C-alpha atoms as a PDB file:
ATOM      1  CA  MET A   1      -2.725 -10.710  -2.672  1.00  0.00           C
ATOM      2  CA  PRO A   2      -0.306 -10.940   0.237  1.00  0.00           C
ATOM      3  CA  ASP A   3      -1.324  -9.451   3.565  1.00  0.00           C
ATOM      4  CA  ASN A   4       1.020  -6.532   4.194  1.00  0.00           C
ATOM      5  CA  SER A   5      -0.686  -5.394   7.405  1.00  0.00           C
ATOM      6  CA  GLY A   6       2.138  -6.845   9.512  1.00  0.00           C
ATOM      7  CA  TYR A   7       4.630  -4.655   7.697  1.00  0.00           C
ATOM      8  CA  PHE A   8       2.547  -1.553   8.286  1.00  0.00           C
ATOM      9  CA  GLU A   9       2.053  -2.411  11.957  1.00  0.00           C
ATOM     10  CA  SER A  10       5.806  -2.859  12.307  1.00  0.00           C
ATOM     11  CA  PHE A  11       6.463   0.490  10.612  1.00  0.00           C
ATOM     12  CA  HIS A  12       3.971   2.186  12.948  1.00  0.00           C
ATOM     13  CA  GLU A  13       5.678   0.633  15.968  1.00  0.00           C
ATOM     14  CA  MET A  14       9.146   1.690  14.804  1.00  0.00           C
ATOM     15  CA  THR A  15       7.993   5.232  14.043  1.00  0.00           C
ATOM     16  CA  ASP A  16       6.142   5.489  17.357  1.00  0.00           C
ATOM     17  CA  ALA A  17       9.236   4.294  19.234  1.00  0.00           C
ATOM     18  CA  ILE A  18      11.323   7.010  17.587  1.00  0.00           C
ATOM     19  CA  ARG A  19       8.680   9.664  18.238  1.00  0.00           C
ATOM     20  CA  VAL A  20       8.302   8.645  21.894  1.00  0.00           C
ATOM     21  CA  ARG A  21      12.057   8.735  22.382  1.00  0.00           C
ATOM     22  CA  LEU A  22      12.274  12.195  20.840  1.00  0.00           C
ATOM     23  CA  VAL A  23       9.496  13.476  23.095  1.00  0.00           C
ATOM     24  CA  ASP A  24      10.414  11.641  26.306  1.00  0.00           C
ATOM     25  CA  ASP A  25      14.152  12.250  26.147  1.00  0.00           C
ATOM     26  CA  GLY A  26      13.766  15.603  24.464  1.00  0.00           C
ATOM     27  CA  ILE A  27      15.251  16.019  21.024  1.00  0.00           C
ATOM     28  CA  LYS A  28      17.905  18.409  22.365  1.00  0.00           C
ATOM     29  CA  GLU A  29      19.172  15.738  24.776  1.00  0.00           C
ATOM     30  CA  ILE A  30      19.710  13.023  22.154  1.00  0.00           C
ATOM     31  CA  ASP A  31      23.275  12.734  20.900  1.00  0.00           C
ATOM     32  CA  ASP A  32      24.260  13.124  17.263  1.00  0.00           C
ATOM     33  CA  ILE A  33      24.785   9.411  16.610  1.00  0.00           C
ATOM     34  CA  ASP A  34      21.344   8.479  17.938  1.00  0.00           C
ATOM     35  CA  LEU A  35      19.710  11.278  15.947  1.00  0.00           C
ATOM     36  CA  ALA A  36      21.503  10.104  12.806  1.00  0.00           C
ATOM     37  CA  THR A  37      20.409   6.521  13.507  1.00  0.00           C
ATOM     38  CA  MET A  38      16.790   7.629  13.939  1.00  0.00           C
ATOM     39  CA  PHE A  39      16.972   9.619  10.719  1.00  0.00           C
ATOM     40  CA  VAL A  40      18.306   6.609   8.790  1.00  0.00           C
ATOM     41  CA  GLN A  41      15.593   4.412  10.320  1.00  0.00           C
ATOM     42  CA  CYS A  42      12.936   6.899   9.197  1.00  0.00           C
ATOM     43  CA  GLN A  43      14.396   6.963   5.682  1.00  0.00           C
ATOM     44  CA  SER A  44      14.336   3.173   5.598  1.00  0.00           C
ATOM     45  CA  ILE A  45      10.723   3.073   6.790  1.00  0.00           C
ATOM     46  CA  PHE A  46       9.768   5.636   4.145  1.00  0.00           C
ATOM     47  CA  LYS A  47      11.466   3.691   1.336  1.00  0.00           C
ATOM     48  CA  ASN A  48       9.896   0.407   2.435  1.00  0.00           C
ATOM     49  CA  VAL A  49       6.415   1.899   2.712  1.00  0.00           C
ATOM     50  CA  GLU A  50       6.865   3.547  -0.683  1.00  0.00           C
ATOM     51  CA  ALA A  51       7.896   0.202  -2.219  1.00  0.00           C
ATOM     52  CA  LEU A  52       4.902  -1.563  -0.646  1.00  0.00           C
ATOM     53  CA  SER A  53       2.622   1.194  -1.877  1.00  0.00           C
ATOM     54  CA  ASN A  54       3.953   0.837  -5.418  1.00  0.00           C
ATOM     55  CA  GLN A  55       3.499  -2.935  -5.257  1.00  0.00           C
ATOM     56  CA  VAL A  56      -0.076  -2.576  -4.006  1.00  0.00           C
ATOM     57  CA  MET A  57      -0.881  -0.013  -6.707  1.00  0.00           C
ATOM     58  CA  THR A  58       0.573  -2.266  -9.417  1.00  0.00           C
ATOM     59  CA  GLU A  59      -1.418  -5.255  -8.179  1.00  0.00           C
ATOM     60  CA  ALA A  60      -4.560  -3.144  -7.836  1.00  0.00           C
ATOM     61  CA  ALA A  61      -4.192  -1.885 -11.417  1.00  0.00           C
ATOM     62  CA  ALA A  62      -3.873  -5.466 -12.686  1.00  0.00           C
ATOM     63  CA  ILE A  63      -6.973  -6.524 -10.744  1.00  0.00           C
ATOM     64  CA  ILE A  64      -8.930  -3.534 -12.052  1.00  0.00           C
ATOM     65  CA  GLU A  65      -7.999  -4.449 -15.628  1.00  0.00           C
ATOM     66  CA  SER A  66      -9.084  -8.055 -15.044  1.00  0.00           C
ATOM     67  CA  VAL A  67     -12.402  -6.937 -13.564  1.00  0.00           C
ATOM     68  CA  ARG A  68     -12.978  -4.597 -16.516  1.00  0.00           C
ATOM     69  CA  ALA A  69     -12.267  -7.413 -18.976  1.00  0.00           C
ATOM     70  CA  VAL A  70     -14.675  -9.751 -17.178  1.00  0.00           C
ATOM     71  CA  GLY A  71     -17.304  -7.011 -16.992  1.00  0.00           C
ATOM     72  CA  LYS A  72     -16.952  -6.316 -20.717  1.00  0.00           C
ATOM     73  CA  ALA A  73     -17.266 -10.020 -21.536  1.00  0.00           C
ATOM     74  CA  ILE A  74     -20.439 -10.254 -19.437  1.00  0.00           C
ATOM     75  CA  ASP A  75     -21.855  -7.085 -20.979  1.00  0.00           C
ATOM     76  CA  ASP A  76     -21.115  -8.352 -24.488  1.00  0.00           C
ATOM     77  CA  GLU A  77     -22.818 -11.677 -23.727  1.00  0.00           C
ATOM     78  CA  VAL A  78     -25.901  -9.946 -22.280  1.00  0.00           C
ATOM     79  CA  LYS A  79     -26.152  -7.778 -25.404  1.00  0.00           C
ATOM     80  CA  ARG A  80     -25.751 -10.847 -27.627  1.00  0.00           C
ATOM     81  CA  ARG A  81     -28.548 -12.670 -25.785  1.00  0.00           C
ATOM     82  CA  GLU A  82     -30.794  -9.617 -25.931  1.00  0.00           C
ATOM     83  CA  GLN A  83     -30.219  -9.407 -29.672  1.00  0.00           C
ATOM     84  CA  LEU A  84     -31.081 -13.110 -30.038  1.00  0.00           C
ATOM     85  CA  GLU A  85     -34.357 -12.493 -28.183  1.00  0.00           C
ATOM     86  CA  LEU A  86     -35.188  -9.542 -30.434  1.00  0.00           C
ATOM     87  CA  ASN A  87     -34.511 -11.622 -33.551  1.00  0.00           C
ATOM     88  CA  ARG A  88     -36.915 -14.405 -32.526  1.00  0.00           C
END
C-alpha cells in the first residue's frame, strides 16, 4: 500500500499556514481575495483528504477480505486434519 503520510503532512502544513495567517494577521484584516483564496485552499485540502480516505478504506476492505479468505482456508484445513485424526 502506498505511503500517504507525505500527503497528510503537507495538508497539515497548508492548514496550519492558513490558521496562523488568520490568527497573526487577524481575520478582520485579511482582504476578500485572500480570504476567498484560503477558503478554496481549504476546500481543496478537504476534497483531497476525503479522496485519500476513500482510497485507504477501499484498500483496507480488500485486505480484510483477503485475510478472511486465508483465515477460512486455514480453519477449514485444521478441521479437515482434526477429522482425519479422529477417523484413524
